Structures are given as structure tokens and as C-alpha cells.
Amino acid sequence: MATATTTPDEGLRDALARLAPLICEYADESERRKRLAPEVHEALRDAGFYRMLRPVTRGGLGLDPVAELSVAEELARIDSAAAWNVQVSNASELYGGFFADAVSAEAYGAPDAVVSGAFNPHRRAVAVEGGFRVTGRTPFNSNCHGSTWTIGLADVYDGDTPRVDAEGLPEVLLMLAPIGDCEILPNWNTMGMCGTGSHDLQMEDVFVPSERTAPFGPLEQPAPAYEGPLSRLVVWTTVACHATVALGIARAAVDELRELGARVPAYTGNTLRNRHRAQLRLARADATLRAARALFHEAYGEAWEIAHERPLDMEEKARCQQASSHAVLSAVEAVDLVHSCVGTAGIREEQRFPRYFRDVHVISQHAFVAEARLEAVGQILFGLEPDWPFFAM
């Protein structure tokens, strides 16, 4: 990967240049099979892309989040599904700090370890001697076919009685389980982001030992291997990971429109680049994307600096959410502007424009970065309590 004269992120960019032809070769197959092609998954895994945020003491690359987000954005310009799965698993890496070092070493420590998961709805965990019997079905498990472990949330029960804390709220645990303990239900039938393989996972009366569970809340005392500023950005790096894919998709769309400029649209005698409407919309798309990307990296650059000293306060968290959701909304706007210029190239499956359109609109519906999250940002700006629970993390 990186040599004595290159940083880890530079080494990853070099690897991207080498792997780009392979990733492009299998992109259509990933779409058809509704999962990332194993050849691509293994190449990315072996090159270290799933270990970008893993601590060095766990065999990871230990990138700072700003560098990681930039690398992932470059990958998204090549293939959205590959970038999404890499980002989901890197976000999952951060939750290793919730568990004792021995547990995180087991799940995250192997070179081929890949962790993924989903949090909603919560599973049901019935307390038994030494742990819990867990049952439940959770959708949106991106990269489940390529994962070795899965994380998720579960409500605790004593028999049939929900367990509550001192404030009367349900007791919720974060849980780790080998992916082999789950059944993958092949139901990822969507208009876009098809290659991510984000199928449902079913757990049926699976025993999870107590040491593979942890209370889910602010990570105030991470396990020793995870101590450091990144442990203060767990949720907000998770949110940011989704936005980078949208930014990469939009940049690819804008760049491809520029390359299409010499084309003469049907029933006209003028090239696309000489049409005033295309000139205007290309300029707007490029500016929209650049502005959103600048805000996104500014917000996370500042958050990373703050995290070296202390946890983020409410307004600083709001800036991360605002920048992430705005990045996705802006990416959608940029792709829509491109789509309005490309004519039938925007509907033919042999072109990439239809995929850009479908994929970026699917990302815009994700709960972590949807437009609705800006309501909570506005609540904070007005001095109100936000209704998005992640702000409590």
C-alpha cells in the first residue's frame, strides 16, 4: 500500500488508479446481481479500502476522516456501489470502540475482517444466562455479502417484559454477531444503488454473549485501541460517509457532460457545447457541486480539529448534519441539471447517465442525509431541542 514516501491516502489513490478498470468492468454485473461483484469486493478489501478508519493497532490505516472522505469520493466517481459499501463498512469500524478490546480484536482485527450492519428497526434481545437470545429482521444491510461481522441495535427484554432504564426509556444495546449467524433475505429491489446488495438480515433466536454487547449512547470512554479524536465523531463520520458517495456521483456526471459536449443532438445541427442551455446548466451544476463540496469539507475539517480537544457541541454537530444533507441535495440538483441536457443519453442503459440519476436520487432518501434532517438543524439554529436522536450522541 503506502511506501515510506507516501501517506496512506496517497497509497489508496494509487491503488484506485490500478483498480479502476476492474471496478468498471464489473459495475454492470454488480447492478444485475444486486450485490457488489466478489472480484471488486476482494480487490478493495486486499488494498485496504475497508480498513481506512480502522486503528493502526487493529491492522488498519488509521486515516483521519477528512482524508478518508476524500478518497471515498474519488472511488464514487468510478462506481457508486463500491464506494457506498466501502463507506458503510468504514463507518461500522468506528463502533469497535464501544466494545472491550478483546471483542473488537476478534471482530475487527483480522486483515480480511469487514463489518457492516443497520440500526432500524431494533431487534429483540431476551436476557438469558451469559448473554441474550436475539431475534429480528433489519433492512438496508449494505455489503452484507462481503461482511464477516454485523452490528445492530436491540431492545432488551426480561422474558416478555421490556427492560427500561432509570428514566423509563427502553434499554438498547449495540450488538456484534458473525454474519453467518444471520440469514440474508435477497430483497434489495430498488431503482438505484442496486450493486450495494443492501438486503434484509434475519436473526432468529441467535445467542449473543454479553461481551459482544454494549450500551448504545455517547461514547465517553472508548476502548483503549480506539482512544483519540475519531471516537468523538462516530455518528457524524457515519453521516458524512453517505454524502461523499453523492458528491462523487455528481462530479462524475458533470465531467461526463463536459466530455459529451462535442455530440450533435438529434434533429439539430449544433454541438451540445455550443447550445446556450447546455452551457448555462453545466456552469450551474459545476458551481452547485463545488460550493456544496467546499462547505462539506470545511464543516468536517473544523469538526476534526475540535475533536482533538473535546466533543462537539450541539451547533457543531448541526453544522456536520447541515453540510452532509446539503451536499446530497446539491448533488441531486447537479445531476438533474446534467440530466436535462443529455437527451436520450440520459435514458439508454449503455450510458452511465441513467445510473447517476437513479443512484443519487436513492441516496437522497437515506434517513441519515435526507432533506428532513435539515429540520432538526433549523431547530438548533432557532434555539430549540432537535427531534433527530443522533444529536444526543
Protein backbone atom coordinates (compact mmCIF):
# COMPACT_ATOMS: atom_id res chain seq x y z
CA MET A 1 0.00 0.00 0.00
CA ALA A 2 1.82 3.16 1.15
CA THR A 3 5.59 3.36 0.94
CA ALA A 4 7.99 5.32 3.13
CA THR A 5 7.45 8.35 0.87
CA THR A 6 3.65 8.18 0.51
CA THR A 7 0.86 8.69 3.01
CA PRO A 8 -1.87 6.04 3.37
CA ASP A 9 -4.39 8.13 1.43
CA GLU A 10 -1.89 8.68 -1.39
CA GLY A 11 -1.31 4.94 -1.50
CA LEU A 12 -5.06 4.38 -1.75
CA ARG A 13 -5.33 6.83 -4.63
CA ASP A 14 -2.56 4.96 -6.42
CA ALA A 15 -4.49 1.75 -5.81
CA LEU A 16 -7.63 3.36 -7.23
CA ALA A 17 -5.81 4.15 -10.45
CA ARG A 18 -4.80 0.49 -10.74
CA LEU A 19 -8.20 -0.91 -9.78
CA ALA A 20 -10.40 1.45 -11.82
CA PRO A 21 -10.52 -0.79 -14.93
CA LEU A 22 -11.52 -3.80 -12.82
CA ILE A 23 -14.19 -1.84 -10.94
CA CYS A 24 -15.65 -0.51 -14.19
CA GLU A 25 -15.56 -3.96 -15.80
CA TYR A 26 -17.82 -5.44 -13.11
CA ALA A 27 -20.11 -2.44 -12.47
CA ASP A 28 -22.92 -3.74 -14.66
CA GLU A 29 -22.64 -7.22 -13.15
CA SER A 30 -22.98 -5.76 -9.65
CA GLU A 31 -26.14 -3.98 -10.77
CA ARG A 32 -27.63 -7.16 -12.21
CA ARG A 33 -26.71 -9.41 -9.27
CA LYS A 34 -27.87 -6.88 -6.64
CA ARG A 35 -24.56 -7.16 -4.80
CA LEU A 36 -21.04 -5.91 -5.32
CA ALA A 37 -19.13 -8.30 -7.57
CA PRO A 38 -16.87 -10.52 -5.41
CA GLU A 39 -13.90 -9.68 -7.63
CA VAL A 40 -14.32 -5.97 -6.82
CA HIS A 41 -15.03 -6.55 -3.13
CA GLU A 42 -11.91 -8.68 -2.72
CA ALA A 43 -9.69 -6.25 -4.60
CA LEU A 44 -10.88 -3.34 -2.47
CA ARG A 45 -10.52 -5.39 0.70
CA ASP A 46 -7.00 -6.52 -0.11
CA ALA A 47 -5.96 -2.95 -0.99
CA GLY A 48 -7.12 -1.71 2.42
CA PHE A 49 -10.19 0.32 1.48
CA TYR A 50 -12.37 -1.31 4.15
CA ARG A 51 -9.72 -0.51 6.78
CA MET A 52 -9.29 3.22 6.16
CA LEU A 53 -10.71 4.25 9.55
CA ARG A 54 -9.60 1.15 11.46
CA PRO A 55 -6.97 1.92 14.15
CA VAL A 56 -3.42 1.06 13.21
CA THR A 57 -3.26 -1.19 16.28
CA ARG A 58 -6.03 -3.25 14.68
CA GLY A 59 -4.19 -3.50 11.38
CA GLY A 60 -5.97 -0.53 9.87
CA LEU A 61 -4.66 2.51 8.02
CA GLY A 62 -5.78 4.98 10.68
CA LEU A 63 -6.75 7.75 8.24
CA ASP A 64 -8.21 10.94 9.58
CA PRO A 65 -11.85 11.34 8.50
CA VAL A 66 -11.21 14.26 6.13
CA ALA A 67 -8.69 12.23 4.12
CA GLU A 68 -10.95 9.17 4.19
CA LEU A 69 -13.93 11.13 2.91
CA SER A 70 -11.87 12.48 0.03
CA VAL A 71 -10.61 9.03 -1.00
CA ALA A 72 -14.14 7.61 -0.90
CA GLU A 73 -15.41 10.45 -3.07
CA GLU A 74 -12.82 9.54 -5.70
CA LEU A 75 -13.99 5.93 -5.59
CA ALA A 76 -17.61 7.07 -6.03
CA ARG A 77 -16.66 8.80 -9.27
CA ILE A 78 -15.71 5.35 -10.57
CA ASP A 79 -18.54 3.26 -9.08
CA SER A 80 -21.23 4.30 -6.62
CA ALA A 81 -21.93 0.82 -5.25
CA ALA A 82 -18.28 0.11 -4.50
CA ALA A 83 -17.91 3.46 -2.75
CA TRP A 84 -21.13 3.01 -0.75
CA ASN A 85 -20.09 -0.40 0.55
CA VAL A 86 -16.63 0.87 1.44
CA GLN A 87 -18.17 3.79 3.30
CA VAL A 88 -20.74 1.73 5.19
CA SER A 89 -18.04 -0.63 6.39
CA ASN A 90 -15.67 2.19 7.35
CA ALA A 91 -18.45 3.81 9.34
CA SER A 92 -19.04 0.47 11.05
CA GLU A 93 -15.36 0.36 12.01
CA LEU A 94 -15.88 3.25 14.41
CA TYR A 95 -18.28 1.26 16.58
CA GLY A 96 -15.46 -1.05 17.62
CA GLY A 97 -14.70 1.46 20.35
CA PHE A 98 -17.94 0.55 22.14
CA PHE A 99 -16.65 -2.94 22.93
CA ALA A 100 -13.83 -4.29 25.07
CA ASP A 101 -10.54 -4.58 23.20
CA ALA A 102 -10.66 -8.38 23.18
CA VAL A 103 -14.06 -8.30 21.47
CA SER A 104 -13.11 -5.65 18.93
CA ALA A 105 -9.91 -7.56 18.17
CA GLU A 106 -11.97 -10.65 17.39
CA ALA A 107 -14.40 -8.84 15.10
CA TYR A 108 -12.19 -6.16 13.56
CA GLY A 109 -8.67 -7.49 13.97
CA ALA A 110 -8.27 -9.90 11.05
CA PRO A 111 -6.89 -8.49 7.76
CA ASP A 112 -9.96 -9.76 5.90
CA ALA A 113 -12.46 -8.54 8.52
CA VAL A 114 -15.29 -6.44 7.10
CA VAL A 115 -18.05 -5.18 9.39
CA SER A 116 -21.39 -3.76 8.30
CA GLY A 117 -24.90 -3.52 9.68
CA ALA A 118 -28.06 -1.50 10.12
CA PHE A 119 -29.80 0.00 13.14
CA ASN A 120 -33.52 0.18 12.47
CA PRO A 121 -35.85 -1.37 13.46
CA HIS A 122 -34.34 -2.69 16.67
CA ARG A 123 -34.19 -6.42 17.17
CA ARG A 124 -35.50 -8.14 20.31
CA ALA A 125 -32.88 -9.40 22.80
CA VAL A 126 -34.17 -11.66 25.55
CA ALA A 127 -31.79 -11.87 28.51
CA VAL A 128 -30.50 -15.39 29.28
CA GLU A 129 -27.55 -16.69 31.23
CA GLY A 130 -24.34 -15.30 29.76
CA GLY A 131 -25.99 -13.11 27.15
CA PHE A 132 -29.09 -12.71 25.01
CA ARG A 133 -31.24 -14.61 22.53
CA VAL A 134 -31.74 -12.21 19.64
CA THR A 135 -34.49 -12.23 17.04
CA GLY A 136 -35.40 -9.65 14.43
CA ARG A 137 -35.28 -8.56 10.83
CA THR A 138 -33.38 -5.46 9.77
CA PRO A 139 -33.36 -3.96 6.26
CA PHE A 140 -30.65 -1.95 4.42
CA ASN A 141 -27.65 -4.11 5.26
CA SER A 142 -25.30 -2.82 2.59
CA ASN A 143 -22.34 -5.08 1.83
CA CYS A 144 -23.82 -7.95 3.83
CA HIS A 145 -22.50 -10.50 1.30
CA GLY A 146 -18.96 -9.23 1.75
CA SER A 147 -19.03 -8.83 5.53
CA THR A 148 -17.65 -11.11 8.21
CA TRP A 149 -19.48 -9.44 11.14
CA THR A 150 -22.62 -7.37 11.52
CA ILE A 151 -23.61 -4.72 14.06
CA GLY A 152 -27.11 -3.70 15.05
CA LEU A 153 -29.34 -2.49 17.85
CA ALA A 154 -31.68 -4.50 20.04
CA ASP A 155 -34.23 -3.71 22.75
CA VAL A 156 -33.67 -5.77 25.89
CA TYR A 157 -36.41 -7.98 27.33
CA ASP A 158 -36.68 -9.96 30.54
CA GLY A 159 -38.92 -12.70 29.26
CA ASP A 160 -41.83 -10.84 27.66
CA THR A 161 -41.23 -7.64 29.63
CA PRO A 162 -39.28 -4.78 28.03
CA ARG A 163 -36.40 -3.62 30.21
CA VAL A 164 -36.29 0.13 30.90
CA ASP A 165 -33.67 2.42 32.36
CA ALA A 166 -33.95 4.82 35.31
CA GLU A 167 -35.77 7.34 33.12
CA GLY A 168 -38.29 4.81 31.90
CA LEU A 169 -36.77 4.55 28.42
CA PRO A 170 -36.18 1.21 26.68
CA GLU A 171 -32.76 -0.32 27.32
CA VAL A 172 -30.98 -0.50 23.96
CA LEU A 173 -27.81 -2.46 23.26
CA LEU A 174 -25.36 -2.34 20.38
CA MET A 175 -24.57 -5.89 19.32
CA LEU A 176 -21.91 -7.67 17.27
CA ALA A 177 -22.53 -11.02 15.61
CA PRO A 178 -20.82 -13.12 12.94
CA ILE A 179 -22.58 -12.64 9.62
CA GLY A 180 -23.01 -16.42 9.49
CA ASP A 181 -25.48 -16.15 12.38
CA CYS A 182 -27.85 -14.24 10.10
CA GLU A 183 -29.90 -15.18 7.07
CA ILE A 184 -29.56 -12.83 4.10
CA LEU A 185 -33.02 -12.26 2.59
CA PRO A 186 -32.49 -11.32 -1.09
CA ASN A 187 -34.95 -8.46 -1.40
CA TRP A 188 -32.84 -5.46 -2.48
CA ASN A 189 -35.13 -4.44 -5.34
CA THR A 190 -34.66 -0.70 -5.85
CA MET A 191 -34.48 1.84 -8.66
CA GLY A 192 -30.85 2.69 -7.89
CA MET A 193 -27.76 1.79 -5.86
CA CYS A 194 -28.56 -1.79 -6.85
CA GLY A 195 -24.99 -3.07 -6.61
CA THR A 196 -24.70 -2.36 -2.89
CA GLY A 197 -26.58 -5.55 -2.02
CA SER A 198 -28.41 -3.85 0.85
CA HIS A 199 -30.62 -6.82 1.65
CA ASP A 200 -32.54 -7.60 4.83
CA LEU A 201 -30.86 -9.65 7.55
CA GLN A 202 -32.85 -12.03 9.73
CA MET A 203 -31.67 -13.22 13.14
CA GLU A 204 -33.74 -16.00 14.69
CA ASP A 205 -33.11 -16.82 18.35
CA VAL A 206 -29.36 -16.26 17.96
CA PHE A 207 -27.28 -16.36 21.14
CA VAL A 208 -25.13 -13.22 21.54
CA PRO A 209 -22.79 -13.33 24.57
CA SER A 210 -22.86 -10.33 26.88
CA GLU A 211 -19.32 -9.30 25.95
CA ARG A 212 -20.46 -8.70 22.37
CA THR A 213 -22.99 -6.14 23.54
CA ALA A 214 -22.61 -2.56 24.76
CA PRO A 215 -24.95 0.22 25.90
CA PHE A 216 -25.76 2.49 22.98
CA GLY A 217 -25.20 6.13 23.79
CA PRO A 218 -22.49 8.79 23.66
CA LEU A 219 -19.09 7.09 23.52
CA GLU A 220 -17.48 8.74 26.54
CA GLN A 221 -14.88 6.07 27.33
CA PRO A 222 -13.88 4.20 24.18
CA ALA A 223 -11.87 1.00 24.41
CA PRO A 224 -8.11 1.71 24.56
CA ALA A 225 -7.50 0.77 20.91
CA TYR A 226 -9.98 3.45 19.85
CA GLU A 227 -8.97 6.32 22.10
CA GLY A 228 -8.43 9.59 20.28
CA PRO A 229 -10.34 12.30 18.45
CA LEU A 230 -12.07 9.96 15.99
CA SER A 231 -14.02 8.40 18.86
CA ARG A 232 -15.73 11.79 19.31
CA LEU A 233 -17.01 11.77 15.71
CA VAL A 234 -18.51 8.28 15.44
CA VAL A 235 -22.04 9.29 14.45
CA TRP A 236 -21.02 12.31 12.40
CA THR A 237 -18.47 10.40 10.37
CA THR A 238 -21.22 7.85 9.72
CA VAL A 239 -23.48 10.61 8.41
CA ALA A 240 -20.69 12.10 6.28
CA CYS A 241 -19.84 8.76 4.69
CA HIS A 242 -23.13 8.75 2.79
CA ALA A 243 -22.72 12.28 1.46
CA THR A 244 -19.35 11.54 -0.13
CA VAL A 245 -20.91 9.00 -2.47
CA ALA A 246 -23.46 11.52 -3.71
CA LEU A 247 -20.73 14.09 -4.29
CA GLY A 248 -18.67 11.59 -6.28
CA ILE A 249 -21.64 10.58 -8.43
CA ALA A 250 -22.44 14.22 -9.22
CA ARG A 251 -18.84 15.02 -10.11
CA ALA A 252 -18.75 12.04 -12.49
CA ALA A 253 -21.97 13.24 -14.12
CA VAL A 254 -20.69 16.79 -14.59
CA ASP A 255 -17.39 15.59 -16.00
CA GLU A 256 -19.13 13.23 -18.41
CA LEU A 257 -21.38 16.05 -19.65
CA ARG A 258 -18.26 18.02 -20.49
CA GLU A 259 -16.93 15.07 -22.47
CA LEU A 260 -20.25 14.79 -24.29
CA GLY A 261 -20.01 18.38 -25.46
CA ALA A 262 -18.87 17.53 -29.00
CA ARG A 263 -22.03 15.46 -29.60
CA VAL A 264 -24.63 16.82 -32.02
CA PRO A 265 -28.11 16.20 -30.55
CA ALA A 266 -30.68 14.55 -32.82
CA TYR A 267 -32.61 16.82 -35.18
CA THR A 268 -30.18 19.69 -34.68
CA GLY A 269 -27.08 20.88 -36.45
CA ASN A 270 -25.20 22.29 -33.49
CA THR A 271 -22.97 20.55 -30.95
CA LEU A 272 -24.13 20.30 -27.36
CA ARG A 273 -21.31 22.54 -26.11
CA ASN A 274 -22.46 25.32 -28.44
CA ARG A 275 -26.01 25.30 -27.12
CA HIS A 276 -26.67 28.12 -24.65
CA ARG A 277 -28.95 25.99 -22.46
CA ALA A 278 -26.25 23.35 -22.01
CA GLN A 279 -23.61 25.97 -21.26
CA LEU A 280 -25.79 27.56 -18.60
CA ARG A 281 -26.76 24.30 -16.92
CA LEU A 282 -23.25 22.89 -16.95
CA ALA A 283 -21.99 26.05 -15.24
CA ARG A 284 -24.78 25.90 -12.66
CA ALA A 285 -24.19 22.22 -11.97
CA ASP A 286 -20.46 22.69 -11.55
CA ALA A 287 -20.88 25.70 -9.26
CA THR A 288 -23.57 23.98 -7.17
CA LEU A 289 -21.35 20.97 -6.68
CA ARG A 290 -18.18 22.92 -5.90
CA ALA A 291 -19.96 25.09 -3.34
CA ALA A 292 -21.54 22.14 -1.56
CA ARG A 293 -18.28 20.22 -1.52
CA ALA A 294 -16.44 23.25 -0.08
CA LEU A 295 -19.00 23.58 2.74
CA PHE A 296 -18.86 19.84 3.41
CA HIS A 297 -15.09 19.69 3.76
CA GLU A 298 -14.99 22.93 5.73
CA ALA A 299 -17.50 21.56 8.26
CA TYR A 300 -15.69 18.27 8.72
CA GLY A 301 -12.26 19.87 8.75
CA GLU A 302 -13.39 22.09 11.60
CA ALA A 303 -15.06 19.17 13.40
CA TRP A 304 -11.86 17.14 13.17
CA GLU A 305 -9.84 19.98 14.70
CA ILE A 306 -12.37 20.41 17.52
CA ALA A 307 -12.44 16.66 18.22
CA HIS A 308 -8.76 16.77 19.12
CA GLU A 309 -9.73 18.89 22.14
CA ARG A 310 -13.28 17.96 23.13
CA PRO A 311 -16.62 16.53 21.95
CA LEU A 312 -18.67 18.61 19.52
CA ASP A 313 -21.32 20.88 20.95
CA MET A 314 -24.86 20.97 19.53
CA GLU A 315 -24.25 23.69 16.93
CA GLU A 316 -21.06 21.98 15.74
CA LYS A 317 -22.96 18.74 15.29
CA ALA A 318 -25.63 20.69 13.43
CA ARG A 319 -23.02 22.02 11.00
CA CYS A 320 -21.93 18.46 10.21
CA GLN A 321 -25.51 17.37 9.57
CA GLN A 322 -26.25 20.52 7.59
CA ALA A 323 -23.18 20.09 5.39
CA SER A 324 -23.93 16.41 4.77
CA SER A 325 -27.59 16.83 3.85
CA HIS A 326 -26.81 19.93 1.79
CA ALA A 327 -24.13 18.01 -0.09
CA VAL A 328 -26.64 15.32 -1.05
CA LEU A 329 -29.33 17.83 -2.05
CA SER A 330 -26.78 19.74 -4.13
CA ALA A 331 -25.55 16.55 -5.76
CA VAL A 332 -29.15 15.77 -6.76
CA GLU A 333 -29.54 19.27 -8.19
CA ALA A 334 -26.30 18.98 -10.16
CA VAL A 335 -27.24 15.58 -11.59
CA ASP A 336 -30.71 16.83 -12.50
CA LEU A 337 -29.16 19.75 -14.37
CA VAL A 338 -26.90 17.36 -16.25
CA HIS A 339 -29.79 15.02 -16.99
CA SER A 340 -31.78 17.87 -18.52
CA CYS A 341 -29.01 18.42 -21.10
CA VAL A 342 -28.07 14.98 -22.30
CA GLY A 343 -31.22 13.96 -24.17
CA THR A 344 -31.58 10.27 -24.97
CA ALA A 345 -28.14 9.57 -23.43
CA GLY A 346 -29.99 10.01 -20.14
CA ILE A 347 -32.31 7.06 -20.77
CA ARG A 348 -30.12 4.48 -22.52
CA GLU A 349 -28.77 1.77 -20.23
CA GLU A 350 -25.44 1.55 -22.07
CA GLN A 351 -24.77 5.11 -20.91
CA ARG A 352 -23.86 6.00 -17.34
CA PHE A 353 -26.21 8.99 -17.09
CA PRO A 354 -29.29 6.93 -16.11
CA ARG A 355 -27.34 5.33 -13.29
CA TYR A 356 -26.12 8.69 -12.00
CA PHE A 357 -29.72 9.88 -11.94
CA ARG A 358 -31.13 6.80 -10.21
CA ASP A 359 -28.32 6.43 -7.70
CA VAL A 360 -28.17 9.99 -6.47
CA HIS A 361 -31.95 10.11 -6.01
CA VAL A 362 -31.87 6.89 -3.98
CA ILE A 363 -29.16 8.33 -1.71
CA SER A 364 -31.30 11.43 -1.16
CA GLN A 365 -33.88 9.20 0.56
CA HIS A 366 -31.46 7.82 3.16
CA ALA A 367 -32.58 8.77 6.67
CA PHE A 368 -29.13 9.99 7.73
CA VAL A 369 -28.84 12.63 4.99
CA ALA A 370 -32.41 13.25 3.76
CA GLU A 371 -33.74 16.78 3.43
CA ALA A 372 -35.86 16.20 6.54
CA ARG A 373 -32.69 16.18 8.67
CA LEU A 374 -32.34 19.90 7.96
CA GLU A 375 -35.47 20.47 10.04
CA ALA A 376 -33.51 19.42 13.12
CA VAL A 377 -30.66 21.72 12.06
CA GLY A 378 -33.14 24.58 11.83
CA GLN A 379 -34.49 23.70 15.26
CA ILE A 380 -31.00 24.02 16.71
CA LEU A 381 -30.42 27.32 14.91
CA PHE A 382 -33.65 28.60 16.46
CA GLY A 383 -32.50 27.50 19.92
CA LEU A 384 -34.96 24.60 20.11
CA GLU A 385 -34.40 20.98 21.06
CA PRO A 386 -33.81 18.89 17.92
CA ASP A 387 -36.07 15.95 17.24
CA TRP A 388 -33.38 13.87 15.45
CA PRO A 389 -32.00 11.45 18.09
CA PHE A 390 -28.46 11.40 16.68
CA PHE A 391 -27.87 14.85 18.15
CA ALA A 392 -27.83 13.21 21.59
CA MET A 393 -24.83 11.07 20.57
